[in-house]
Amino acid sequence: MVGLVFMLMLSILNPQHKFYLSVTEIRYAQEEESLQIAIKLFTDDLEQALTNQFKQEIRLSQNNLSQADLKRIGAYLIEHFEIKVNGKIVQADYLGSENQLDATWNYIEIKHIRRINKLEITNSLLLSEFDEQVNILNFIYQNKTRSFIGNKENYVFELTL
């Protein structure tokens, strides 16, 4: 947490230095037996990652995402964000994305999760694009939040519940 505060201070003191950050919220919805995931990425960073992965220039419209855009975003997210529940990789369903100002919100759901004893979350989003990338992850389970900060050296998180 101290590192994050330091990086925020640097970005305020040096506004010409771009700050690379994503925020992910994972919420266990017990009644629906699902993990509901929202991932916020800066749109220009996501565009660069998609351009590099798909070897063509990708520009995400501020007003509307095309079906081709959504397909590429979904493929990128599923490749770079993985969850194991109780030691088993689970199938994630990409639900969609929406742009809000300079950020793109992305939604994923993992169904048929009856109980969680252990979670392993791999979040390598944008890490191959930016050396300074920081990925914040908040996991909400039974009204309690656990938070993690990831980067190039540390992008796999394990939780025992």
N, C-alpha and C. Protein backbone atom coordinates (compact mmCIF):
# COMPACT_ATOMS: atom_id res chain seq x y z
N MET A 1 0.82 -1.19 0.00
CA MET A 1 0.00 0.00 0.00
C MET A 1 0.87 1.25 0.00
N VAL A 2 1.99 1.22 0.73
CA VAL A 2 2.89 2.36 0.76
C VAL A 2 3.42 2.64 -0.64
N GLY A 3 3.73 1.58 -1.39
CA GLY A 3 4.21 1.74 -2.76
C GLY A 3 3.19 2.43 -3.64
N LEU A 4 1.92 2.09 -3.48
CA LEU A 4 0.87 2.71 -4.27
C LEU A 4 0.75 4.19 -3.94
N VAL A 5 0.82 4.55 -2.66
CA VAL A 5 0.76 5.95 -2.25
C VAL A 5 1.94 6.71 -2.84
N PHE A 6 3.14 6.10 -2.80
CA PHE A 6 4.33 6.73 -3.36
C PHE A 6 4.15 6.98 -4.86
N MET A 7 3.63 5.99 -5.58
CA MET A 7 3.44 6.14 -7.02
C MET A 7 2.39 7.21 -7.33
N LEU A 8 1.35 7.30 -6.52
CA LEU A 8 0.36 8.35 -6.71
C LEU A 8 0.96 9.73 -6.48
N MET A 9 1.82 9.85 -5.46
CA MET A 9 2.49 11.12 -5.18
C MET A 9 3.37 11.52 -6.36
N LEU A 10 4.12 10.55 -6.91
CA LEU A 10 4.97 10.83 -8.06
C LEU A 10 4.16 11.32 -9.24
N SER A 11 3.02 10.70 -9.47
CA SER A 11 2.20 11.12 -10.61
C SER A 11 1.64 12.52 -10.42
N ILE A 12 1.37 12.92 -9.18
CA ILE A 12 0.88 14.27 -8.91
C ILE A 12 2.00 15.28 -9.08
N LEU A 13 3.20 14.94 -8.57
CA LEU A 13 4.33 15.85 -8.65
C LEU A 13 4.88 15.96 -10.07
N ASN A 14 4.74 14.91 -10.86
CA ASN A 14 5.23 14.90 -12.23
C ASN A 14 4.08 14.54 -13.16
N PRO A 15 3.22 15.49 -13.52
CA PRO A 15 2.02 15.18 -14.29
C PRO A 15 2.31 14.69 -15.71
N GLN A 16 3.55 14.87 -16.22
CA GLN A 16 3.87 14.40 -17.56
C GLN A 16 4.14 12.91 -17.58
N HIS A 17 4.34 12.32 -16.43
CA HIS A 17 4.58 10.87 -16.36
C HIS A 17 3.24 10.15 -16.30
N LYS A 18 2.98 9.29 -17.26
CA LYS A 18 1.71 8.56 -17.32
C LYS A 18 1.67 7.49 -16.23
N PHE A 19 0.53 7.34 -15.63
CA PHE A 19 0.33 6.34 -14.58
C PHE A 19 -0.44 5.17 -15.16
N TYR A 20 0.05 3.96 -14.99
CA TYR A 20 -0.57 2.76 -15.56
C TYR A 20 -1.24 1.97 -14.45
N LEU A 21 -2.57 1.91 -14.49
CA LEU A 21 -3.32 1.33 -13.40
C LEU A 21 -4.58 0.66 -13.92
N SER A 22 -4.91 -0.49 -13.34
CA SER A 22 -6.21 -1.11 -13.55
C SER A 22 -6.80 -1.43 -12.19
N VAL A 23 -8.13 -1.50 -12.17
CA VAL A 23 -8.82 -1.86 -10.93
C VAL A 23 -9.80 -2.98 -11.25
N THR A 24 -9.73 -4.05 -10.48
CA THR A 24 -10.62 -5.19 -10.66
C THR A 24 -11.36 -5.44 -9.35
N GLU A 25 -12.68 -5.63 -9.49
CA GLU A 25 -13.49 -6.02 -8.33
C GLU A 25 -14.10 -7.39 -8.63
N ILE A 26 -13.87 -8.31 -7.71
CA ILE A 26 -14.47 -9.65 -7.80
C ILE A 26 -15.40 -9.78 -6.61
N ARG A 27 -16.65 -10.06 -6.90
CA ARG A 27 -17.65 -10.19 -5.84
C ARG A 27 -18.28 -11.57 -5.94
N TYR A 28 -18.30 -12.27 -4.79
CA TYR A 28 -18.99 -13.57 -4.76
C TYR A 28 -20.46 -13.32 -4.45
N ALA A 29 -21.32 -13.69 -5.40
CA ALA A 29 -22.77 -13.57 -5.22
C ALA A 29 -23.29 -14.94 -4.82
N GLN A 30 -23.45 -15.15 -3.53
CA GLN A 30 -23.80 -16.46 -3.01
C GLN A 30 -25.15 -16.96 -3.54
N GLU A 31 -26.15 -16.10 -3.60
CA GLU A 31 -27.47 -16.52 -4.07
C GLU A 31 -27.45 -16.98 -5.52
N GLU A 32 -26.61 -16.30 -6.35
CA GLU A 32 -26.49 -16.68 -7.77
C GLU A 32 -25.42 -17.74 -7.99
N GLU A 33 -24.68 -18.06 -6.93
CA GLU A 33 -23.56 -19.01 -7.02
C GLU A 33 -22.61 -18.62 -8.15
N SER A 34 -22.18 -17.34 -8.12
CA SER A 34 -21.30 -16.87 -9.18
C SER A 34 -20.29 -15.85 -8.65
N LEU A 35 -19.21 -15.74 -9.39
CA LEU A 35 -18.24 -14.66 -9.18
C LEU A 35 -18.54 -13.61 -10.23
N GLN A 36 -18.80 -12.39 -9.78
CA GLN A 36 -19.11 -11.29 -10.68
C GLN A 36 -17.90 -10.36 -10.69
N ILE A 37 -17.36 -10.13 -11.88
CA ILE A 37 -16.07 -9.45 -12.01
C ILE A 37 -16.23 -8.20 -12.88
N ALA A 38 -15.74 -7.08 -12.37
CA ALA A 38 -15.69 -5.83 -13.13
C ALA A 38 -14.24 -5.37 -13.18
N ILE A 39 -13.76 -5.08 -14.39
CA ILE A 39 -12.37 -4.69 -14.59
C ILE A 39 -12.35 -3.33 -15.28
N LYS A 40 -11.71 -2.36 -14.65
CA LYS A 40 -11.59 -1.02 -15.22
C LYS A 40 -10.17 -0.84 -15.76
N LEU A 41 -10.09 -0.55 -17.08
CA LEU A 41 -8.82 -0.32 -17.75
C LEU A 41 -8.88 1.03 -18.45
N PHE A 42 -7.77 1.76 -18.47
CA PHE A 42 -7.74 2.97 -19.27
C PHE A 42 -7.87 2.58 -20.74
N THR A 43 -8.74 3.26 -21.44
CA THR A 43 -9.07 2.89 -22.82
C THR A 43 -7.84 2.92 -23.72
N ASP A 44 -6.99 3.95 -23.60
CA ASP A 44 -5.82 4.02 -24.47
C ASP A 44 -4.84 2.88 -24.19
N ASP A 45 -4.74 2.45 -22.94
CA ASP A 45 -3.88 1.31 -22.61
C ASP A 45 -4.45 0.02 -23.19
N LEU A 46 -5.76 -0.15 -23.07
CA LEU A 46 -6.41 -1.33 -23.64
C LEU A 46 -6.26 -1.35 -25.16
N GLU A 47 -6.41 -0.19 -25.80
CA GLU A 47 -6.21 -0.11 -27.25
C GLU A 47 -4.81 -0.58 -27.65
N GLN A 48 -3.81 -0.15 -26.89
CA GLN A 48 -2.43 -0.56 -27.21
C GLN A 48 -2.27 -2.06 -27.06
N ALA A 49 -2.81 -2.63 -25.99
CA ALA A 49 -2.70 -4.08 -25.77
C ALA A 49 -3.40 -4.85 -26.89
N LEU A 50 -4.58 -4.41 -27.28
CA LEU A 50 -5.31 -5.09 -28.35
C LEU A 50 -4.61 -4.94 -29.68
N THR A 51 -4.07 -3.76 -29.96
CA THR A 51 -3.32 -3.53 -31.21
C THR A 51 -2.14 -4.47 -31.29
N ASN A 52 -1.40 -4.61 -30.19
CA ASN A 52 -0.24 -5.50 -30.19
C ASN A 52 -0.63 -6.97 -30.30
N GLN A 53 -1.68 -7.36 -29.61
CA GLN A 53 -2.09 -8.77 -29.63
C GLN A 53 -2.66 -9.18 -30.98
N PHE A 54 -3.45 -8.32 -31.59
CA PHE A 54 -4.15 -8.69 -32.82
C PHE A 54 -3.47 -8.16 -34.08
N LYS A 55 -2.32 -7.48 -33.91
CA LYS A 55 -1.48 -7.03 -35.03
C LYS A 55 -2.22 -6.14 -36.01
N GLN A 56 -3.13 -5.32 -35.48
CA GLN A 56 -3.79 -4.30 -36.29
C GLN A 56 -4.21 -3.18 -35.35
N GLU A 57 -4.27 -1.97 -35.88
CA GLU A 57 -4.61 -0.84 -35.03
C GLU A 57 -6.07 -0.93 -34.57
N ILE A 58 -6.24 -0.83 -33.26
CA ILE A 58 -7.58 -0.90 -32.65
C ILE A 58 -7.86 0.46 -32.01
N ARG A 59 -8.98 1.06 -32.36
CA ARG A 59 -9.44 2.30 -31.75
C ARG A 59 -10.84 2.06 -31.22
N LEU A 60 -10.98 2.18 -29.93
CA LEU A 60 -12.28 1.93 -29.30
C LEU A 60 -13.05 3.24 -29.24
N SER A 61 -14.20 3.26 -29.86
CA SER A 61 -15.04 4.45 -29.92
C SER A 61 -15.49 4.84 -28.52
N GLN A 62 -15.58 6.14 -28.27
CA GLN A 62 -16.06 6.60 -26.97
C GLN A 62 -17.55 6.33 -26.77
N ASN A 63 -18.29 6.24 -27.85
CA ASN A 63 -19.74 6.11 -27.72
C ASN A 63 -20.24 4.68 -27.87
N ASN A 64 -19.59 3.90 -28.71
CA ASN A 64 -20.14 2.59 -29.01
C ASN A 64 -19.02 1.63 -29.37
N LEU A 65 -19.05 0.45 -28.80
CA LEU A 65 -18.07 -0.59 -29.12
C LEU A 65 -18.69 -1.53 -30.14
N SER A 66 -17.96 -1.82 -31.21
CA SER A 66 -18.47 -2.72 -32.24
C SER A 66 -18.42 -4.17 -31.75
N GLN A 67 -19.10 -5.05 -32.44
CA GLN A 67 -19.06 -6.47 -32.09
C GLN A 67 -17.64 -7.01 -32.24
N ALA A 68 -16.90 -6.53 -33.24
CA ALA A 68 -15.50 -6.96 -33.41
C ALA A 68 -14.65 -6.50 -32.23
N ASP A 69 -14.88 -5.26 -31.76
CA ASP A 69 -14.17 -4.75 -30.59
C ASP A 69 -14.45 -5.64 -29.37
N LEU A 70 -15.72 -5.94 -29.15
CA LEU A 70 -16.11 -6.74 -27.99
C LEU A 70 -15.50 -8.13 -28.05
N LYS A 71 -15.44 -8.72 -29.23
CA LYS A 71 -14.85 -10.05 -29.38
C LYS A 71 -13.36 -10.01 -29.04
N ARG A 72 -12.65 -8.99 -29.52
CA ARG A 72 -11.22 -8.86 -29.22
C ARG A 72 -10.98 -8.61 -27.74
N ILE A 73 -11.78 -7.72 -27.15
CA ILE A 73 -11.63 -7.43 -25.72
C ILE A 73 -11.85 -8.70 -24.91
N GLY A 74 -12.92 -9.43 -25.22
CA GLY A 74 -13.22 -10.67 -24.50
C GLY A 74 -12.09 -11.67 -24.60
N ALA A 75 -11.54 -11.85 -25.79
CA ALA A 75 -10.43 -12.78 -25.98
C ALA A 75 -9.21 -12.35 -25.17
N TYR A 76 -8.91 -11.06 -25.18
CA TYR A 76 -7.77 -10.54 -24.41
C TYR A 76 -7.97 -10.77 -22.91
N LEU A 77 -9.15 -10.44 -22.41
CA LEU A 77 -9.42 -10.60 -20.97
C LEU A 77 -9.32 -12.06 -20.54
N ILE A 78 -9.92 -12.95 -21.31
CA ILE A 78 -9.92 -14.37 -20.94
C ILE A 78 -8.49 -14.92 -20.95
N GLU A 79 -7.67 -14.41 -21.86
CA GLU A 79 -6.27 -14.88 -21.92
C GLU A 79 -5.43 -14.37 -20.76
N HIS A 80 -5.70 -13.16 -20.28
CA HIS A 80 -4.83 -12.52 -19.29
C HIS A 80 -5.44 -12.45 -17.88
N PHE A 81 -6.60 -13.03 -17.69
CA PHE A 81 -7.23 -13.02 -16.37
C PHE A 81 -7.83 -14.40 -16.14
N GLU A 82 -7.28 -15.11 -15.16
CA GLU A 82 -7.70 -16.50 -14.93
C GLU A 82 -7.94 -16.72 -13.44
N ILE A 83 -8.95 -17.52 -13.15
CA ILE A 83 -9.27 -17.85 -11.76
C ILE A 83 -9.36 -19.35 -11.60
N LYS A 84 -8.74 -19.83 -10.52
CA LYS A 84 -8.91 -21.21 -10.09
C LYS A 84 -9.71 -21.19 -8.79
N VAL A 85 -10.72 -22.02 -8.74
CA VAL A 85 -11.54 -22.16 -7.53
C VAL A 85 -11.30 -23.57 -7.00
N ASN A 86 -10.86 -23.64 -5.76
CA ASN A 86 -10.57 -24.93 -5.11
C ASN A 86 -9.62 -25.77 -5.97
N GLY A 87 -8.63 -25.10 -6.58
CA GLY A 87 -7.60 -25.79 -7.34
C GLY A 87 -7.93 -26.08 -8.80
N LYS A 88 -9.13 -25.73 -9.26
CA LYS A 88 -9.54 -26.02 -10.63
C LYS A 88 -9.78 -24.73 -11.41
N ILE A 89 -9.23 -24.67 -12.64
CA ILE A 89 -9.50 -23.53 -13.50
C ILE A 89 -10.99 -23.53 -13.85
N VAL A 90 -11.61 -22.37 -13.72
CA VAL A 90 -13.04 -22.26 -13.99
C VAL A 90 -13.27 -21.46 -15.27
N GLN A 91 -14.37 -21.78 -15.94
CA GLN A 91 -14.76 -21.13 -17.19
C GLN A 91 -15.31 -19.75 -16.91
N ALA A 92 -14.70 -18.73 -17.50
CA ALA A 92 -15.18 -17.37 -17.35
C ALA A 92 -15.98 -16.99 -18.58
N ASP A 93 -17.10 -16.32 -18.37
CA ASP A 93 -17.93 -15.83 -19.46
C ASP A 93 -17.78 -14.32 -19.55
N TYR A 94 -17.33 -13.86 -20.71
CA TYR A 94 -17.21 -12.42 -20.96
C TYR A 94 -18.61 -11.89 -21.26
N LEU A 95 -19.06 -10.92 -20.48
CA LEU A 95 -20.41 -10.38 -20.63
C LEU A 95 -20.46 -9.13 -21.50
N GLY A 96 -19.38 -8.37 -21.53
CA GLY A 96 -19.37 -7.16 -22.34
C GLY A 96 -18.50 -6.09 -21.74
N SER A 97 -18.47 -4.95 -22.41
CA SER A 97 -17.67 -3.80 -22.00
C SER A 97 -18.43 -2.53 -22.31
N GLU A 98 -18.06 -1.47 -21.61
CA GLU A 98 -18.63 -0.15 -21.90
C GLU A 98 -17.59 0.91 -21.60
N ASN A 99 -17.59 1.95 -22.41
CA ASN A 99 -16.67 3.06 -22.22
C ASN A 99 -17.30 4.13 -21.35
N GLN A 100 -16.49 4.67 -20.45
CA GLN A 100 -16.90 5.80 -19.62
C GLN A 100 -15.72 6.76 -19.57
N LEU A 101 -15.87 7.88 -20.24
CA LEU A 101 -14.80 8.88 -20.34
C LEU A 101 -13.53 8.21 -20.88
N ASP A 102 -12.45 8.19 -20.11
CA ASP A 102 -11.19 7.64 -20.61
C ASP A 102 -10.95 6.20 -20.15
N ALA A 103 -11.96 5.55 -19.61
CA ALA A 103 -11.82 4.18 -19.11
C ALA A 103 -12.82 3.25 -19.79
N THR A 104 -12.46 1.99 -19.85
CA THR A 104 -13.35 0.96 -20.35
C THR A 104 -13.63 -0.02 -19.21
N TRP A 105 -14.90 -0.20 -18.89
CA TRP A 105 -15.32 -1.17 -17.90
C TRP A 105 -15.63 -2.48 -18.61
N ASN A 106 -15.13 -3.58 -18.07
CA ASN A 106 -15.28 -4.90 -18.67
C ASN A 106 -15.90 -5.83 -17.63
N TYR A 107 -16.81 -6.69 -18.10
CA TYR A 107 -17.56 -7.52 -17.16
C TYR A 107 -17.42 -9.00 -17.51
N ILE A 108 -17.13 -9.78 -16.48
CA ILE A 108 -16.95 -11.22 -16.61
C ILE A 108 -17.76 -11.88 -15.50
N GLU A 109 -18.27 -13.06 -15.78
CA GLU A 109 -18.97 -13.82 -14.74
C GLU A 109 -18.50 -15.27 -14.78
N ILE A 110 -18.38 -15.85 -13.60
CA ILE A 110 -18.07 -17.27 -13.47
C ILE A 110 -19.22 -17.89 -12.70
N LYS A 111 -19.91 -18.81 -13.35
CA LYS A 111 -21.12 -19.41 -12.77
C LYS A 111 -20.82 -20.74 -12.10
N HIS A 112 -21.82 -21.22 -11.37
CA HIS A 112 -21.80 -22.55 -10.74
C HIS A 112 -20.70 -22.67 -9.68
N ILE A 113 -20.55 -21.63 -8.87
CA ILE A 113 -19.58 -21.65 -7.77
C ILE A 113 -20.37 -21.81 -6.47
N ARG A 114 -20.48 -23.04 -6.00
CA ARG A 114 -21.30 -23.30 -4.81
C ARG A 114 -20.58 -22.94 -3.52
N ARG A 115 -19.31 -23.23 -3.48
CA ARG A 115 -18.52 -22.90 -2.29
C ARG A 115 -17.09 -22.59 -2.72
N ILE A 116 -16.44 -21.76 -1.93
CA ILE A 116 -15.05 -21.40 -2.20
C ILE A 116 -14.24 -21.69 -0.94
N ASN A 117 -13.26 -22.55 -1.08
CA ASN A 117 -12.30 -22.76 0.00
C ASN A 117 -10.99 -22.03 -0.31
N LYS A 118 -10.63 -22.08 -1.59
CA LYS A 118 -9.37 -21.47 -2.01
C LYS A 118 -9.54 -20.86 -3.39
N LEU A 119 -8.97 -19.68 -3.57
CA LEU A 119 -8.98 -18.99 -4.86
C LEU A 119 -7.55 -18.70 -5.27
N GLU A 120 -7.28 -18.87 -6.56
CA GLU A 120 -6.02 -18.42 -7.14
C GLU A 120 -6.38 -17.55 -8.34
N ILE A 121 -5.95 -16.30 -8.29
CA ILE A 121 -6.30 -15.33 -9.33
C ILE A 121 -5.01 -14.90 -10.03
N THR A 122 -4.99 -15.06 -11.35
CA THR A 122 -3.86 -14.60 -12.16
C THR A 122 -4.34 -13.40 -12.97
N ASN A 123 -3.72 -12.25 -12.74
CA ASN A 123 -4.08 -11.02 -13.43
C ASN A 123 -2.84 -10.45 -14.11
N SER A 124 -2.66 -10.80 -15.39
CA SER A 124 -1.52 -10.28 -16.15
C SER A 124 -1.95 -9.21 -17.15
N LEU A 125 -3.11 -8.60 -16.92
CA LEU A 125 -3.61 -7.56 -17.82
C LEU A 125 -2.62 -6.41 -17.94
N LEU A 126 -2.28 -6.07 -19.16
CA LEU A 126 -1.42 -4.95 -19.53
C LEU A 126 0.03 -5.06 -19.05
N LEU A 127 0.40 -6.14 -18.41
CA LEU A 127 1.76 -6.26 -17.88
C LEU A 127 2.81 -6.36 -18.98
N SER A 128 2.45 -6.93 -20.12
CA SER A 128 3.42 -7.02 -21.21
C SER A 128 3.53 -5.69 -21.97
N GLU A 129 2.62 -4.78 -21.70
CA GLU A 129 2.61 -3.49 -22.40
C GLU A 129 3.41 -2.42 -21.66
N PHE A 130 3.31 -2.43 -20.34
CA PHE A 130 3.86 -1.33 -19.55
C PHE A 130 4.63 -1.87 -18.34
N ASP A 131 5.91 -1.53 -18.25
CA ASP A 131 6.72 -1.97 -17.12
C ASP A 131 6.20 -1.45 -15.79
N GLU A 132 5.57 -0.28 -15.81
CA GLU A 132 5.09 0.36 -14.58
C GLU A 132 3.65 -0.02 -14.23
N GLN A 133 3.06 -0.93 -14.98
CA GLN A 133 1.65 -1.29 -14.76
C GLN A 133 1.42 -1.80 -13.34
N VAL A 134 0.35 -1.31 -12.73
CA VAL A 134 -0.10 -1.75 -11.40
C VAL A 134 -1.55 -2.20 -11.55
N ASN A 135 -1.85 -3.40 -11.07
CA ASN A 135 -3.20 -3.95 -11.12
C ASN A 135 -3.72 -4.13 -9.70
N ILE A 136 -4.72 -3.35 -9.35
CA ILE A 136 -5.33 -3.45 -8.02
C ILE A 136 -6.50 -4.42 -8.12
N LEU A 137 -6.60 -5.32 -7.15
CA LEU A 137 -7.66 -6.32 -7.14
C LEU A 137 -8.36 -6.28 -5.79
N ASN A 138 -9.67 -6.15 -5.81
CA ASN A 138 -10.49 -6.20 -4.60
C ASN A 138 -11.40 -7.41 -4.69
N PHE A 139 -11.32 -8.29 -3.69
CA PHE A 139 -12.17 -9.47 -3.64
C PHE A 139 -13.14 -9.30 -2.49
N ILE A 140 -14.44 -9.38 -2.80
CA ILE A 140 -15.48 -9.17 -1.79
C ILE A 140 -16.21 -10.49 -1.57
N TYR A 141 -16.16 -10.95 -0.32
CA TYR A 141 -16.75 -12.24 0.05
C TYR A 141 -17.40 -12.07 1.41
N GLN A 142 -18.69 -12.34 1.51
CA GLN A 142 -19.44 -12.22 2.76
C GLN A 142 -19.23 -10.85 3.42
N ASN A 143 -19.37 -9.80 2.61
CA ASN A 143 -19.25 -8.40 3.05
C ASN A 143 -17.88 -8.02 3.59
N LYS A 144 -16.87 -8.80 3.29
CA LYS A 144 -15.49 -8.46 3.67
C LYS A 144 -14.67 -8.33 2.40
N THR A 145 -13.82 -7.31 2.38
CA THR A 145 -12.99 -7.04 1.20
C THR A 145 -11.54 -7.34 1.51
N ARG A 146 -10.92 -8.07 0.59
CA ARG A 146 -9.47 -8.28 0.62
C ARG A 146 -8.91 -7.62 -0.62
N SER A 147 -7.83 -6.86 -0.44
CA SER A 147 -7.25 -6.13 -1.56
C SER A 147 -5.81 -6.56 -1.81
N PHE A 148 -5.44 -6.53 -3.08
CA PHE A 148 -4.11 -6.94 -3.51
C PHE A 148 -3.61 -5.95 -4.55
N ILE A 149 -2.30 -5.78 -4.60
CA ILE A 149 -1.68 -4.94 -5.61
C ILE A 149 -0.71 -5.81 -6.40
N GLY A 150 -0.91 -5.85 -7.71
CA GLY A 150 -0.07 -6.67 -8.57
C GLY A 150 0.75 -5.83 -9.52
N ASN A 151 1.83 -6.45 -9.99
CA ASN A 151 2.70 -5.82 -10.99
C ASN A 151 3.39 -6.94 -11.78
N LYS A 152 4.42 -6.59 -12.55
CA LYS A 152 5.09 -7.57 -13.40
C LYS A 152 5.69 -8.73 -12.62
N GLU A 153 6.16 -8.46 -11.43
CA GLU A 153 6.79 -9.49 -10.61
C GLU A 153 5.80 -10.27 -9.75
N ASN A 154 4.64 -9.70 -9.52
CA ASN A 154 3.68 -10.29 -8.58
C ASN A 154 2.27 -10.14 -9.15
N TYR A 155 1.81 -11.15 -9.88
CA TYR A 155 0.49 -11.04 -10.51
C TYR A 155 -0.40 -12.25 -10.27
N VAL A 156 0.01 -13.14 -9.37
CA VAL A 156 -0.81 -14.28 -8.97
C VAL A 156 -1.13 -14.13 -7.50
N PHE A 157 -2.42 -14.19 -7.16
CA PHE A 157 -2.86 -14.00 -5.79
C PHE A 157 -3.59 -15.24 -5.31
N GLU A 158 -3.27 -15.68 -4.10
CA GLU A 158 -3.93 -16.84 -3.52
C GLU A 158 -4.67 -16.43 -2.26
N LEU A 159 -5.89 -16.94 -2.13
CA LEU A 159 -6.69 -16.69 -0.95
C LEU A 159 -7.23 -17.99 -0.41
N THR A 160 -7.16 -18.15 0.86
CA THR A 160 -7.81 -19.28 1.53
C THR A 160 -8.93 -18.68 2.37
N LEU A 161 -10.14 -19.19 2.16
CA LEU A 161 -11.30 -18.64 2.86
C LEU A 161 -11.79 -19.56 3.95
